[in-house]
Amino acid sequence: MAEDRCDVLCLDVPKAERLRRRRLPAAAAAAAASRARALADPTRLSLAASLREGGELCVCDLAWISGRPQNLVSHHLRALKREGLAASRRDGKIVFYSLTDVGADLLDSVLEAMAVSQSVIAAAR
C-alpha cells in the first residue's frame, strides 16, 4: 500500500463538489505555474532580487552583480520578461531591465515564504 494515498474511497461529496466548482481554471493554473517556474531558477531569482534592490539595471550591471556571463544573464532576463515579471527598455546601445509590479509581488511572496519557513525551522531547533 502506498503511503501517499487513501486505501479506501472516502469522498466527502458535498465538500468535494463545492471545491470542484470553485477550482482554479486550467488556463489560470497554467499561467500561474509558468510564472512561478520563471522564479524557480536560482539565477533568475537572484537577478529578480537584484532588480528589486537596484531598481532599473543594465544587463552589464546584472552580469557583474551575478558573476555570470552577459549572454546567460540576457537569456534569464528574457525568460522573466516573457512571463511578465520584468520589463526592458533600450537606451542607445544599452538595455535596461526592471521588475514589473507583478514580478515584485511574486518575488516578495517567494522570499517572504522562505523567510517564514526558515524562522519555523530555526524555532524548531
PDB file of N, CA and C in Angstrom:
ATOM      1  N   MET A   1       0.838  -1.195   0.000  1.00  0.00           N
ATOM      2  CA  MET A   1       0.000   0.000   0.000  1.00  0.00           C
ATOM      3  C   MET A   1       0.874   1.247   0.000  1.00  0.00           C
ATOM      4  N   ALA A   2       0.471   2.219  -0.793  1.00  0.00           N
ATOM      5  CA  ALA A   2       1.219   3.465  -0.891  1.00  0.00           C
ATOM      6  C   ALA A   2       0.956   4.337   0.332  1.00  0.00           C
ATOM      7  N   GLU A   3       2.001   4.977   0.805  1.00  0.00           N
ATOM      8  CA  GLU A   3       1.890   5.853   1.972  1.00  0.00           C
ATOM      9  C   GLU A   3       1.253   7.198   1.633  1.00  0.00           C
ATOM     10  N   ASP A   4       1.168   7.522   0.344  1.00  0.00           N
ATOM     11  CA  ASP A   4       0.717   8.853  -0.040  1.00  0.00           C
ATOM     12  C   ASP A   4      -0.681   8.891  -0.649  1.00  0.00           C
ATOM     13  N   ARG A   5      -1.460   7.839  -0.464  1.00  0.00           N
ATOM     14  CA  ARG A   5      -2.834   7.862  -0.967  1.00  0.00           C
ATOM     15  C   ARG A   5      -3.732   7.009  -0.072  1.00  0.00           C
ATOM     16  N   CYS A   6      -5.037   7.251  -0.185  1.00  0.00           N
ATOM     17  CA  CYS A   6      -6.013   6.513   0.624  1.00  0.00           C
ATOM     18  C   CYS A   6      -6.090   5.067   0.157  1.00  0.00           C
ATOM     19  N   ASP A   7      -6.344   4.172   1.084  1.00  0.00           N
ATOM     20  CA  ASP A   7      -6.511   2.758   0.762  1.00  0.00           C
ATOM     21  C   ASP A   7      -7.967   2.429   0.438  1.00  0.00           C
ATOM     22  N   VAL A   8      -8.881   3.319   0.804  1.00  0.00           N
ATOM     23  CA  VAL A   8     -10.307   3.137   0.511  1.00  0.00           C
ATOM     24  C   VAL A   8     -10.858   4.456  -0.035  1.00  0.00           C
ATOM     25  N   LEU A   9     -11.958   4.390  -0.779  1.00  0.00           N
ATOM     26  CA  LEU A   9     -12.616   5.590  -1.278  1.00  0.00           C
ATOM     27  C   LEU A   9     -13.409   6.211  -0.134  1.00  0.00           C
ATOM     28  N   CYS A  10     -13.079   7.447   0.204  1.00  0.00           N
ATOM     29  CA  CYS A  10     -13.697   8.083   1.373  1.00  0.00           C
ATOM     30  C   CYS A  10     -14.118   9.509   1.047  1.00  0.00           C
ATOM     31  N   LEU A  11     -14.839   9.700  -0.030  1.00  0.00           N
ATOM     32  CA  LEU A  11     -15.203  11.024  -0.510  1.00  0.00           C
ATOM     33  C   LEU A  11     -16.190  11.738   0.400  1.00  0.00           C
ATOM     34  N   ASP A  12     -15.923  12.996   0.664  1.00  0.00           N
ATOM     35  CA  ASP A  12     -16.874  13.898   1.312  1.00  0.00           C
ATOM     36  C   ASP A  12     -17.521  14.655   0.147  1.00  0.00           C
ATOM     37  N   VAL A  13     -18.556  14.057  -0.459  1.00  0.00           N
ATOM     38  CA  VAL A  13     -19.116  14.550  -1.718  1.00  0.00           C
ATOM     39  C   VAL A  13     -19.561  16.009  -1.654  1.00  0.00           C
ATOM     40  N   PRO A  14     -20.297  16.453  -0.649  1.00  0.00           N
ATOM     41  CA  PRO A  14     -20.710  17.867  -0.662  1.00  0.00           C
ATOM     42  C   PRO A  14     -19.502  18.821  -0.665  1.00  0.00           C
ATOM     43  N   LYS A  15     -18.550  18.544   0.177  1.00  0.00           N
ATOM     44  CA  LYS A  15     -17.363  19.398   0.244  1.00  0.00           C
ATOM     45  C   LYS A  15     -16.552  19.310  -1.047  1.00  0.00           C
ATOM     46  N   ALA A  16     -16.331  18.116  -1.548  1.00  0.00           N
ATOM     47  CA  ALA A  16     -15.544  17.918  -2.768  1.00  0.00           C
ATOM     48  C   ALA A  16     -16.222  18.587  -3.965  1.00  0.00           C
ATOM     49  N   GLU A  17     -17.519  18.485  -4.071  1.00  0.00           N
ATOM     50  CA  GLU A  17     -18.243  19.114  -5.184  1.00  0.00           C
ATOM     51  C   GLU A  17     -18.188  20.634  -5.088  1.00  0.00           C
ATOM     52  N   ARG A  18     -18.341  21.177  -3.875  1.00  0.00           N
ATOM     53  CA  ARG A  18     -18.264  22.626  -3.691  1.00  0.00           C
ATOM     54  C   ARG A  18     -16.887  23.130  -4.126  1.00  0.00           C
ATOM     55  N   LEU A  19     -15.832  22.449  -3.727  1.00  0.00           N
ATOM     56  CA  LEU A  19     -14.476  22.842  -4.093  1.00  0.00           C
ATOM     57  C   LEU A  19     -14.200  22.619  -5.576  1.00  0.00           C
ATOM     58  N   ARG A  20     -14.770  21.567  -6.129  1.00  0.00           N
ATOM     59  CA  ARG A  20     -14.586  21.293  -7.561  1.00  0.00           C
ATOM     60  C   ARG A  20     -15.174  22.411  -8.411  1.00  0.00           C
ATOM     61  N   ARG A  21     -16.335  22.931  -8.010  1.00  0.00           N
ATOM     62  CA  ARG A  21     -16.973  24.023  -8.747  1.00  0.00           C
ATOM     63  C   ARG A  21     -16.151  25.312  -8.651  1.00  0.00           C
ATOM     64  N   ARG A  22     -15.368  25.464  -7.590  1.00  0.00           N
ATOM     65  CA  ARG A  22     -14.594  26.684  -7.367  1.00  0.00           C
ATOM     66  C   ARG A  22     -13.115  26.528  -7.720  1.00  0.00           C
ATOM     67  N   ARG A  23     -12.740  25.388  -8.285  1.00  0.00           N
ATOM     68  CA  ARG A  23     -11.316  25.159  -8.561  1.00  0.00           C
ATOM     69  C   ARG A  23     -10.773  26.167  -9.566  1.00  0.00           C
ATOM     70  N   LEU A  24      -9.486  26.325  -9.512  1.00  0.00           N
ATOM     71  CA  LEU A  24      -8.782  27.236 -10.396  1.00  0.00           C
ATOM     72  C   LEU A  24      -8.914  26.731 -11.829  1.00  0.00           C
ATOM     73  N   PRO A  25      -9.338  27.591 -12.770  1.00  0.00           N
ATOM     74  CA  PRO A  25      -9.440  27.159 -14.165  1.00  0.00           C
ATOM     75  C   PRO A  25      -8.071  26.714 -14.695  1.00  0.00           C
ATOM     76  N   ALA A  26      -8.086  25.754 -15.592  1.00  0.00           N
ATOM     77  CA  ALA A  26      -6.845  25.173 -16.110  1.00  0.00           C
ATOM     78  C   ALA A  26      -5.926  26.229 -16.731  1.00  0.00           C
ATOM     79  N   ALA A  27      -6.481  27.173 -17.474  1.00  0.00           N
ATOM     80  CA  ALA A  27      -5.651  28.204 -18.106  1.00  0.00           C
ATOM     81  C   ALA A  27      -4.997  29.103 -17.060  1.00  0.00           C
ATOM     82  N   ALA A  28      -5.732  29.443 -16.021  1.00  0.00           N
ATOM     83  CA  ALA A  28      -5.169  30.282 -14.953  1.00  0.00           C
ATOM     84  C   ALA A  28      -4.088  29.513 -14.194  1.00  0.00           C
ATOM     85  N   ALA A  29      -4.314  28.242 -13.960  1.00  0.00           N
ATOM     86  CA  ALA A  29      -3.310  27.417 -13.277  1.00  0.00           C
ATOM     87  C   ALA A  29      -2.042  27.307 -14.112  1.00  0.00           C
ATOM     88  N   ALA A  30      -2.199  27.135 -15.413  1.00  0.00           N
ATOM     89  CA  ALA A  30      -1.041  27.034 -16.297  1.00  0.00           C
ATOM     90  C   ALA A  30      -0.256  28.341 -16.319  1.00  0.00           C
ATOM     91  N   ALA A  31      -0.945  29.472 -16.373  1.00  0.00           N
ATOM     92  CA  ALA A  31      -0.277  30.772 -16.391  1.00  0.00           C
ATOM     93  C   ALA A  31       0.460  31.022 -15.073  1.00  0.00           C
ATOM     94  N   ALA A  32      -0.181  30.717 -13.963  1.00  0.00           N
ATOM     95  CA  ALA A  32       0.456  30.915 -12.659  1.00  0.00           C
ATOM     96  C   ALA A  32       1.662  29.999 -12.492  1.00  0.00           C
ATOM     97  N   ALA A  33       1.540  28.756 -12.933  1.00  0.00           N
ATOM     98  CA  ALA A  33       2.656  27.815 -12.835  1.00  0.00           C
ATOM     99  C   ALA A  33       3.824  28.271 -13.689  1.00  0.00           C
ATOM    100  N   SER A  34       3.540  28.815 -14.844  1.00  0.00           N
ATOM    101  CA  SER A  34       4.590  29.300 -15.735  1.00  0.00           C
ATOM    102  C   SER A  34       5.344  30.462 -15.096  1.00  0.00           C
ATOM    103  N   ARG A  35       4.619  31.378 -14.488  1.00  0.00           N
ATOM    104  CA  ARG A  35       5.271  32.498 -13.790  1.00  0.00           C
ATOM    105  C   ARG A  35       6.081  31.998 -12.601  1.00  0.00           C
ATOM    106  N   ALA A  36       5.530  31.065 -11.869  1.00  0.00           N
ATOM    107  CA  ALA A  36       6.254  30.521 -10.715  1.00  0.00           C
ATOM    108  C   ALA A  36       7.535  29.828 -11.170  1.00  0.00           C
ATOM    109  N   ARG A  37       7.466  29.103 -12.287  1.00  0.00           N
ATOM    110  CA  ARG A  37       8.670  28.436 -12.824  1.00  0.00           C
ATOM    111  C   ARG A  37       9.741  29.449 -13.196  1.00  0.00           C
ATOM    112  N   ALA A  38       9.317  30.626 -13.641  1.00  0.00           N
ATOM    113  CA  ALA A  38      10.290  31.648 -14.028  1.00  0.00           C
ATOM    114  C   ALA A  38      11.166  32.047 -12.840  1.00  0.00           C
ATOM    115  N   LEU A  39      10.614  32.032 -11.640  1.00  0.00           N
ATOM    116  CA  LEU A  39      11.407  32.355 -10.454  1.00  0.00           C
ATOM    117  C   LEU A  39      11.992  31.116  -9.775  1.00  0.00           C
ATOM    118  N   ALA A  40      11.700  29.944 -10.307  1.00  0.00           N
ATOM    119  CA  ALA A  40      12.185  28.706  -9.690  1.00  0.00           C
ATOM    120  C   ALA A  40      13.660  28.447  -9.984  1.00  0.00           C
ATOM    121  N   ASP A  41      14.227  29.173 -10.918  1.00  0.00           N
ATOM    122  CA  ASP A  41      15.639  29.024 -11.253  1.00  0.00           C
ATOM    123  C   ASP A  41      16.462  29.940 -10.332  1.00  0.00           C
ATOM    124  N   PRO A  42      17.526  29.431  -9.710  1.00  0.00           N
ATOM    125  CA  PRO A  42      18.309  30.260  -8.778  1.00  0.00           C
ATOM    126  C   PRO A  42      18.890  31.522  -9.419  1.00  0.00           C
ATOM    127  N   THR A  43      19.334  31.429 -10.660  1.00  0.00           N
ATOM    128  CA  THR A  43      19.893  32.620 -11.314  1.00  0.00           C
ATOM    129  C   THR A  43      18.813  33.662 -11.540  1.00  0.00           C
ATOM    130  N   ARG A  44      17.644  33.249 -12.031  1.00  0.00           N
ATOM    131  CA  ARG A  44      16.558  34.207 -12.263  1.00  0.00           C
ATOM    132  C   ARG A  44      16.060  34.811 -10.956  1.00  0.00           C
ATOM    133  N   LEU A  45      15.980  34.004  -9.916  1.00  0.00           N
ATOM    134  CA  LEU A  45      15.557  34.519  -8.611  1.00  0.00           C
ATOM    135  C   LEU A  45      16.548  35.563  -8.113  1.00  0.00           C
ATOM    136  N   SER A  46      17.822  35.270  -8.271  1.00  0.00           N
ATOM    137  CA  SER A  46      18.867  36.211  -7.850  1.00  0.00           C
ATOM    138  C   SER A  46      18.818  37.494  -8.676  1.00  0.00           C
ATOM    139  N   LEU A  47      18.632  37.374  -9.985  1.00  0.00           N
ATOM    140  CA  LEU A  47      18.525  38.562 -10.837  1.00  0.00           C
ATOM    141  C   LEU A  47      17.312  39.398 -10.448  1.00  0.00           C
ATOM    142  N   ALA A  48      16.196  38.746 -10.191  1.00  0.00           N
ATOM    143  CA  ALA A  48      14.982  39.465  -9.785  1.00  0.00           C
ATOM    144  C   ALA A  48      15.215  40.192  -8.459  1.00  0.00           C
ATOM    145  N   ALA A  49      15.904  39.547  -7.525  1.00  0.00           N
ATOM    146  CA  ALA A  49      16.204  40.179  -6.239  1.00  0.00           C
ATOM    147  C   ALA A  49      17.104  41.398  -6.444  1.00  0.00           C
ATOM    148  N   SER A  50      18.071  41.290  -7.338  1.00  0.00           N
ATOM    149  CA  SER A  50      18.943  42.441  -7.636  1.00  0.00           C
ATOM    150  C   SER A  50      18.143  43.580  -8.251  1.00  0.00           C
ATOM    151  N   LEU A  51      17.219  43.253  -9.136  1.00  0.00           N
ATOM    152  CA  LEU A  51      16.375  44.282  -9.744  1.00  0.00           C
ATOM    153  C   LEU A  51      15.487  44.948  -8.699  1.00  0.00           C
ATOM    154  N   ARG A  52      14.992  44.162  -7.754  1.00  0.00           N
ATOM    155  CA  ARG A  52      14.151  44.741  -6.704  1.00  0.00           C
ATOM    156  C   ARG A  52      14.956  45.721  -5.856  1.00  0.00           C
ATOM    157  N   GLU A  53      16.183  45.349  -5.538  1.00  0.00           N
ATOM    158  CA  GLU A  53      17.025  46.202  -4.704  1.00  0.00           C
ATOM    159  C   GLU A  53      17.593  47.385  -5.474  1.00  0.00           C
ATOM    160  N   GLY A  54      17.959  47.168  -6.746  1.00  0.00           N
ATOM    161  CA  GLY A  54      18.639  48.200  -7.519  1.00  0.00           C
ATOM    162  C   GLY A  54      17.763  49.015  -8.425  1.00  0.00           C
ATOM    163  N   GLY A  55      16.499  48.639  -8.556  1.00  0.00           N
ATOM    164  CA  GLY A  55      15.627  49.333  -9.500  1.00  0.00           C
ATOM    165  C   GLY A  55      15.980  48.937 -10.911  1.00  0.00           C
ATOM    166  N   GLU A  56      16.098  49.900 -11.779  1.00  0.00           N
ATOM    167  CA  GLU A  56      16.432  49.632 -13.177  1.00  0.00           C
ATOM    168  C   GLU A  56      17.949  49.427 -13.300  1.00  0.00           C
ATOM    169  N   LEU A  57      18.331  48.306 -13.907  1.00  0.00           N
ATOM    170  CA  LEU A  57      19.751  47.984 -14.088  1.00  0.00           C
ATOM    171  C   LEU A  57      19.995  47.505 -15.503  1.00  0.00           C
ATOM    172  N   CYS A  58      21.188  47.806 -16.026  1.00  0.00           N
ATOM    173  CA  CYS A  58      21.516  47.325 -17.360  1.00  0.00           C
ATOM    174  C   CYS A  58      22.038  45.886 -17.272  1.00  0.00           C
ATOM    175  N   VAL A  59      22.026  45.218 -18.399  1.00  0.00           N
ATOM    176  CA  VAL A  59      22.456  43.825 -18.463  1.00  0.00           C
ATOM    177  C   VAL A  59      23.900  43.686 -17.976  1.00  0.00           C
ATOM    178  N   CYS A  60      24.747  44.654 -18.311  1.00  0.00           N
ATOM    179  CA  CYS A  60      26.153  44.603 -17.881  1.00  0.00           C
ATOM    180  C   CYS A  60      26.265  44.624 -16.357  1.00  0.00           C
ATOM    181  N   ASP A  61      25.487  45.507 -15.719  1.00  0.00           N
ATOM    182  CA  ASP A  61      25.495  45.563 -14.253  1.00  0.00           C
ATOM    183  C   ASP A  61      25.038  44.237 -13.652  1.00  0.00           C
ATOM    184  N   LEU A  62      23.961  43.689 -14.219  1.00  0.00           N
ATOM    185  CA  LEU A  62      23.420  42.437 -13.691  1.00  0.00           C
ATOM    186  C   LEU A  62      24.393  41.279 -13.891  1.00  0.00           C
ATOM    187  N   ALA A  63      25.128  41.290 -15.000  1.00  0.00           N
ATOM    188  CA  ALA A  63      26.140  40.253 -15.223  1.00  0.00           C
ATOM    189  C   ALA A  63      27.242  40.379 -14.176  1.00  0.00           C
ATOM    190  N   TRP A  64      27.658  41.594 -13.896  1.00  0.00           N
ATOM    191  CA  TRP A  64      28.706  41.821 -12.894  1.00  0.00           C
ATOM    192  C   TRP A  64      28.222  41.410 -11.505  1.00  0.00           C
ATOM    193  N   ILE A  65      27.022  41.850 -11.152  1.00  0.00           N
ATOM    194  CA  ILE A  65      26.457  41.546  -9.835  1.00  0.00           C
ATOM    195  C   ILE A  65      26.325  40.041  -9.632  1.00  0.00           C
ATOM    196  N   SER A  66      25.827  39.343 -10.651  1.00  0.00           N
ATOM    197  CA  SER A  66      25.556  37.903 -10.516  1.00  0.00           C
ATOM    198  C   SER A  66      26.793  37.044 -10.742  1.00  0.00           C
ATOM    199  N   GLY A  67      27.834  37.628 -11.326  1.00  0.00           N
ATOM    200  CA  GLY A  67      29.030  36.841 -11.629  1.00  0.00           C
ATOM    201  C   GLY A  67      28.794  35.835 -12.747  1.00  0.00           C
ATOM    202  N   ARG A  68      27.858  36.159 -13.621  1.00  0.00           N
ATOM    203  CA  ARG A  68      27.507  35.287 -14.735  1.00  0.00           C
ATOM    204  C   ARG A  68      27.814  35.993 -16.051  1.00  0.00           C
ATOM    205  N   PRO A  69      28.019  35.225 -17.131  1.00  0.00           N
ATOM    206  CA  PRO A  69      28.258  35.841 -18.442  1.00  0.00           C
ATOM    207  C   PRO A  69      27.035  36.635 -18.906  1.00  0.00           C
ATOM    208  N   GLN A  70      27.294  37.703 -19.631  1.00  0.00           N
ATOM    209  CA  GLN A  70      26.229  38.587 -20.089  1.00  0.00           C
ATOM    210  C   GLN A  70      25.192  37.860 -20.948  1.00  0.00           C
ATOM    211  N   ASN A  71      25.641  36.920 -21.806  1.00  0.00           N
ATOM    212  CA  ASN A  71      24.663  36.214 -22.646  1.00  0.00           C
ATOM    213  C   ASN A  71      23.747  35.333 -21.807  1.00  0.00           C
ATOM    214  N   LEU A  72      24.259  34.741 -20.730  1.00  0.00           N
ATOM    215  CA  LEU A  72      23.424  33.927 -19.840  1.00  0.00           C
ATOM    216  C   LEU A  72      22.433  34.809 -19.084  1.00  0.00           C
ATOM    217  N   VAL A  73      22.913  35.947 -18.613  1.00  0.00           N
ATOM    218  CA  VAL A  73      22.040  36.885 -17.901  1.00  0.00           C
ATOM    219  C   VAL A  73      20.929  37.362 -18.834  1.00  0.00           C
ATOM    220  N   SER A  74      21.276  37.699 -20.063  1.00  0.00           N
ATOM    221  CA  SER A  74      20.264  38.133 -21.033  1.00  0.00           C
ATOM    222  C   SER A  74      19.214  37.052 -21.258  1.00  0.00           C
ATOM    223  N   HIS A  75      19.667  35.817 -21.358  1.00  0.00           N
ATOM    224  CA  HIS A  75      18.746  34.684 -21.534  1.00  0.00           C
ATOM    225  C   HIS A  75      17.756  34.613 -20.369  1.00  0.00           C
ATOM    226  N   HIS A  76      18.262  34.714 -19.150  1.00  0.00           N
ATOM    227  CA  HIS A  76      17.390  34.629 -17.975  1.00  0.00           C
ATOM    228  C   HIS A  76      16.465  35.849 -17.876  1.00  0.00           C
ATOM    229  N   LEU A  77      16.962  37.004 -18.229  1.00  0.00           N
ATOM    230  CA  LEU A  77      16.117  38.198 -18.194  1.00  0.00           C
ATOM    231  C   LEU A  77      14.994  38.113 -19.222  1.00  0.00           C
ATOM    232  N   ARG A  78      15.288  37.550 -20.387  1.00  0.00           N
ATOM    233  CA  ARG A  78      14.223  37.351 -21.391  1.00  0.00           C
ATOM    234  C   ARG A  78      13.138  36.424 -20.850  1.00  0.00           C
ATOM    235  N   ALA A  79      13.537  35.403 -20.098  1.00  0.00           N
ATOM    236  CA  ALA A  79      12.551  34.482 -19.510  1.00  0.00           C
ATOM    237  C   ALA A  79      11.676  35.220 -18.506  1.00  0.00           C
ATOM    238  N   LEU A  80      12.260  36.081 -17.696  1.00  0.00           N
ATOM    239  CA  LEU A  80      11.470  36.873 -16.744  1.00  0.00           C
ATOM    240  C   LEU A  80      10.530  37.828 -17.486  1.00  0.00           C
ATOM    241  N   LYS A  81      11.036  38.421 -18.552  1.00  0.00           N
ATOM    242  CA  LYS A  81      10.218  39.344 -19.346  1.00  0.00           C
ATOM    243  C   LYS A  81       9.067  38.611 -20.030  1.00  0.00           C
ATOM    244  N   ARG A  82       9.350  37.446 -20.589  1.00  0.00           N
ATOM    245  CA  ARG A  82       8.326  36.657 -21.288  1.00  0.00           C
ATOM    246  C   ARG A  82       7.156  36.337 -20.360  1.00  0.00           C
ATOM    247  N   GLU A  83       7.430  36.148 -19.073  1.00  0.00           N
ATOM    248  CA  GLU A  83       6.368  35.826 -18.112  1.00  0.00           C
ATOM    249  C   GLU A  83       5.752  37.066 -17.468  1.00  0.00           C
ATOM    250  N   GLY A  84       6.169  38.256 -17.919  1.00  0.00           N
ATOM    251  CA  GLY A  84       5.592  39.485 -17.395  1.00  0.00           C
ATOM    252  C   GLY A  84       6.143  39.898 -16.044  1.00  0.00           C
ATOM    253  N   LEU A  85       7.272  39.303 -15.645  1.00  0.00           N
ATOM    254  CA  LEU A  85       7.860  39.615 -14.343  1.00  0.00           C
ATOM    255  C   LEU A  85       8.887  40.740 -14.433  1.00  0.00           C
ATOM    256  N   ALA A  86       9.402  40.995 -15.620  1.00  0.00           N
ATOM    257  CA  ALA A  86      10.377  42.058 -15.835  1.00  0.00           C
ATOM    258  C   ALA A  86      10.012  42.813 -17.108  1.00  0.00           C
ATOM    259  N   ALA A  87      10.506  44.035 -17.191  1.00  0.00           N
ATOM    260  CA  ALA A  87      10.322  44.873 -18.378  1.00  0.00           C
ATOM    261  C   ALA A  87      11.697  45.370 -18.803  1.00  0.00           C
ATOM    262  N   SER A  88      11.822  45.692 -20.073  1.00  0.00           N
ATOM    263  CA  SER A  88      13.101  46.207 -20.559  1.00  0.00           C
ATOM    264  C   SER A  88      12.877  47.453 -21.384  1.00  0.00           C
ATOM    265  N   ARG A  89      13.947  48.220 -21.483  1.00  0.00           N
ATOM    266  CA  ARG A  89      13.932  49.372 -22.384  1.00  0.00           C
ATOM    267  C   ARG A  89      15.349  49.555 -22.908  1.00  0.00           C
ATOM    268  N   ARG A  90      15.432  49.958 -24.142  1.00  0.00           N
ATOM    269  CA  ARG A  90      16.731  50.192 -24.780  1.00  0.00           C
ATOM    270  C   ARG A  90      16.994  51.687 -24.785  1.00  0.00           C
ATOM    271  N   ASP A  91      18.218  52.042 -24.410  1.00  0.00           N
ATOM    272  CA  ASP A  91      18.668  53.428 -24.475  1.00  0.00           C
ATOM    273  C   ASP A  91      19.961  53.423 -25.282  1.00  0.00           C
ATOM    274  N   GLY A  92      19.844  53.643 -26.583  1.00  0.00           N
ATOM    275  CA  GLY A  92      21.004  53.541 -27.466  1.00  0.00           C
ATOM    276  C   GLY A  92      21.467  52.095 -27.546  1.00  0.00           C
ATOM    277  N   LYS A  93      22.683  51.848 -27.107  1.00  0.00           N
ATOM    278  CA  LYS A  93      23.241  50.500 -27.158  1.00  0.00           C
ATOM    279  C   LYS A  93      23.111  49.757 -25.829  1.00  0.00           C
ATOM    280  N   ILE A  94      22.431  50.351 -24.871  1.00  0.00           N
ATOM    281  CA  ILE A  94      22.304  49.760 -23.540  1.00  0.00           C
ATOM    282  C   ILE A  94      20.861  49.316 -23.318  1.00  0.00           C
ATOM    283  N   VAL A  95      20.690  48.111 -22.749  1.00  0.00           N
ATOM    284  CA  VAL A  95      19.359  47.600 -22.422  1.00  0.00           C
ATOM    285  C   VAL A  95      19.220  47.565 -20.906  1.00  0.00           C
ATOM    286  N   PHE A  96      18.187  48.222 -20.427  1.00  0.00           N
ATOM    287  CA  PHE A  96      17.900  48.273 -19.001  1.00  0.00           C
ATOM    288  C   PHE A  96      16.715  47.372 -18.682  1.00  0.00           C
ATOM    289  N   TYR A  97      16.770  46.723 -17.528  1.00  0.00           N
ATOM    290  CA  TYR A  97      15.675  45.878 -17.058  1.00  0.00           C
ATOM    291  C   TYR A  97      15.194  46.386 -15.704  1.00  0.00           C
ATOM    292  N   SER A  98      13.929  46.137 -15.449  1.00  0.00           N
ATOM    293  CA  SER A  98      13.334  46.431 -14.147  1.00  0.00           C
ATOM    294  C   SER A  98      12.257  45.384 -13.882  1.00  0.00           C
ATOM    295  N   LEU A  99      11.915  45.219 -12.618  1.00  0.00           N
ATOM    296  CA  LEU A  99      10.815  44.312 -12.269  1.00  0.00           C
ATOM    297  C   LEU A  99       9.492  44.996 -12.522  1.00  0.00           C
ATOM    298  N   THR A 100       8.517  44.258 -12.981  1.00  0.00           N
ATOM    299  CA  THR A 100       7.147  44.772 -13.066  1.00  0.00           C
ATOM    300  C   THR A 100       6.535  44.666 -11.679  1.00  0.00           C
ATOM    301  N   ASP A 101       5.383  45.268 -11.501  1.00  0.00           N
ATOM    302  CA  ASP A 101       4.690  45.148 -10.216  1.00  0.00           C
ATOM    303  C   ASP A 101       4.366  43.682  -9.918  1.00  0.00           C
ATOM    304  N   VAL A 102       3.953  42.954 -10.954  1.00  0.00           N
ATOM    305  CA  VAL A 102       3.660  41.528 -10.789  1.00  0.00           C
ATOM    306  C   VAL A 102       4.922  40.775 -10.361  1.00  0.00           C
ATOM    307  N   GLY A 103       6.040  41.082 -11.000  1.00  0.00           N
ATOM    308  CA  GLY A 103       7.307  40.442 -10.663  1.00  0.00           C
ATOM    309  C   GLY A 103       7.730  40.741  -9.243  1.00  0.00           C
ATOM    310  N   ALA A 104       7.595  41.995  -8.837  1.00  0.00           N
ATOM    311  CA  ALA A 104       7.965  42.380  -7.471  1.00  0.00           C
ATOM    312  C   ALA A 104       7.072  41.683  -6.448  1.00  0.00           C
ATOM    313  N   ASP A 105       5.770  41.622  -6.728  1.00  0.00           N
ATOM    314  CA  ASP A 105       4.842  40.963  -5.799  1.00  0.00           C
ATOM    315  C   ASP A 105       5.148  39.477  -5.667  1.00  0.00           C
ATOM    316  N   LEU A 106       5.399  38.812  -6.805  1.00  0.00           N
ATOM    317  CA  LEU A 106       5.696  37.382  -6.766  1.00  0.00           C
ATOM    318  C   LEU A 106       7.018  37.136  -6.050  1.00  0.00           C
ATOM    319  N   LEU A 107       8.031  37.930  -6.349  1.00  0.00           N
ATOM    320  CA  LEU A 107       9.323  37.787  -5.674  1.00  0.00           C
ATOM    321  C   LEU A 107       9.169  37.984  -4.174  1.00  0.00           C
ATOM    322  N   ASP A 108       8.445  39.021  -3.773  1.00  0.00           N
ATOM    323  CA  ASP A 108       8.229  39.264  -2.350  1.00  0.00           C
ATOM    324  C   ASP A 108       7.527  38.086  -1.681  1.00  0.00           C
ATOM    325  N   SER A 109       6.541  37.509  -2.360  1.00  0.00           N
ATOM    326  CA  SER A 109       5.826  36.358  -1.801  1.00  0.00           C
ATOM    327  C   SER A 109       6.754  35.163  -1.625  1.00  0.00           C
ATOM    328  N   VAL A 110       7.586  34.911  -2.628  1.00  0.00           N
ATOM    329  CA  VAL A 110       8.516  33.779  -2.558  1.00  0.00           C
ATOM    330  C   VAL A 110       9.515  33.988  -1.428  1.00  0.00           C
ATOM    331  N   LEU A 111      10.104  35.177  -1.373  1.00  0.00           N
ATOM    332  CA  LEU A 111      11.107  35.431  -0.340  1.00  0.00           C
ATOM    333  C   LEU A 111      10.497  35.478   1.046  1.00  0.00           C
ATOM    334  N   GLU A 112       9.275  35.988   1.156  1.00  0.00           N
ATOM    335  CA  GLU A 112       8.585  36.014   2.445  1.00  0.00           C
ATOM    336  C   GLU A 112       8.275  34.595   2.918  1.00  0.00           C
ATOM    337  N   ALA A 113       7.815  33.748   2.002  1.00  0.00           N
ATOM    338  CA  ALA A 113       7.533  32.354   2.362  1.00  0.00           C
ATOM    339  C   ALA A 113       8.808  31.656   2.808  1.00  0.00           C
ATOM    340  N   MET A 114       9.922  31.956   2.137  1.00  0.00           N
ATOM    341  CA  MET A 114      11.191  31.353   2.515  1.00  0.00           C
ATOM    342  C   MET A 114      11.601  31.835   3.904  1.00  0.00           C
ATOM    343  N   ALA A 115      11.435  33.129   4.186  1.00  0.00           N
ATOM    344  CA  ALA A 115      11.799  33.672   5.492  1.00  0.00           C
ATOM    345  C   ALA A 115      10.955  33.056   6.591  1.00  0.00           C
ATOM    346  N   VAL A 116       9.677  32.883   6.323  1.00  0.00           N
ATOM    347  CA  VAL A 116       8.773  32.269   7.312  1.00  0.00           C
ATOM    348  C   VAL A 116       9.203  30.825   7.567  1.00  0.00           C
ATOM    349  N   SER A 117       9.480  30.067   6.494  1.00  0.00           N
ATOM    350  CA  SER A 117       9.862  28.677   6.694  1.00  0.00           C
ATOM    351  C   SER A 117      11.207  28.578   7.389  1.00  0.00           C
ATOM    352  N   GLN A 118      12.133  29.491   7.119  1.00  0.00           N
ATOM    353  CA  GLN A 118      13.420  29.499   7.809  1.00  0.00           C
ATOM    354  C   GLN A 118      13.248  29.782   9.295  1.00  0.00           C
ATOM    355  N   SER A 119      12.341  30.700   9.643  1.00  0.00           N
ATOM    356  CA  SER A 119      12.127  31.004  11.061  1.00  0.00           C
ATOM    357  C   SER A 119      11.449  29.850  11.783  1.00  0.00           C
ATOM    358  N   VAL A 120      10.581  29.119  11.085  1.00  0.00           N
ATOM    359  CA  VAL A 120       9.941  27.954  11.692  1.00  0.00           C
ATOM    360  C   VAL A 120      10.986  26.873  11.944  1.00  0.00           C
ATOM    361  N   ILE A 121      11.878  26.667  10.968  1.00  0.00           N
ATOM    362  CA  ILE A 121      12.949  25.672  11.117  1.00  0.00           C
ATOM    363  C   ILE A 121      13.871  26.056  12.261  1.00  0.00           C
ATOM    364  N   ALA A 122      14.225  27.344  12.349  1.00  0.00           N
ATOM    365  CA  ALA A 122      15.118  27.800  13.417  1.00  0.00           C
ATOM    366  C   ALA A 122      14.451  27.654  14.783  1.00  0.00           C
ATOM    367  N   ALA A 123      13.144  27.926  14.861  1.00  0.00           N
ATOM    368  CA  ALA A 123      12.421  27.812  16.135  1.00  0.00           C
ATOM    369  C   ALA A 123      12.320  26.363  16.583  1.00  0.00           C
ATOM    370  N   ALA A 124      12.290  25.449  15.633  1.00  0.00           N
ATOM    371  CA  ALA A 124      12.170  24.027  15.967  1.00  0.00           C
ATOM    372  C   ALA A 124      13.479  23.445  16.500  1.00  0.00           C
ATOM    373  N   ARG A 125      14.575  24.125  16.274  1.00  0.00           N
ATOM    374  CA  ARG A 125      15.879  23.614  16.720  1.00  0.00           C
ATOM    375  C   ARG A 125      16.112  23.809  18.169  1.00  0.00           C
TER     376      ARG A 125
END
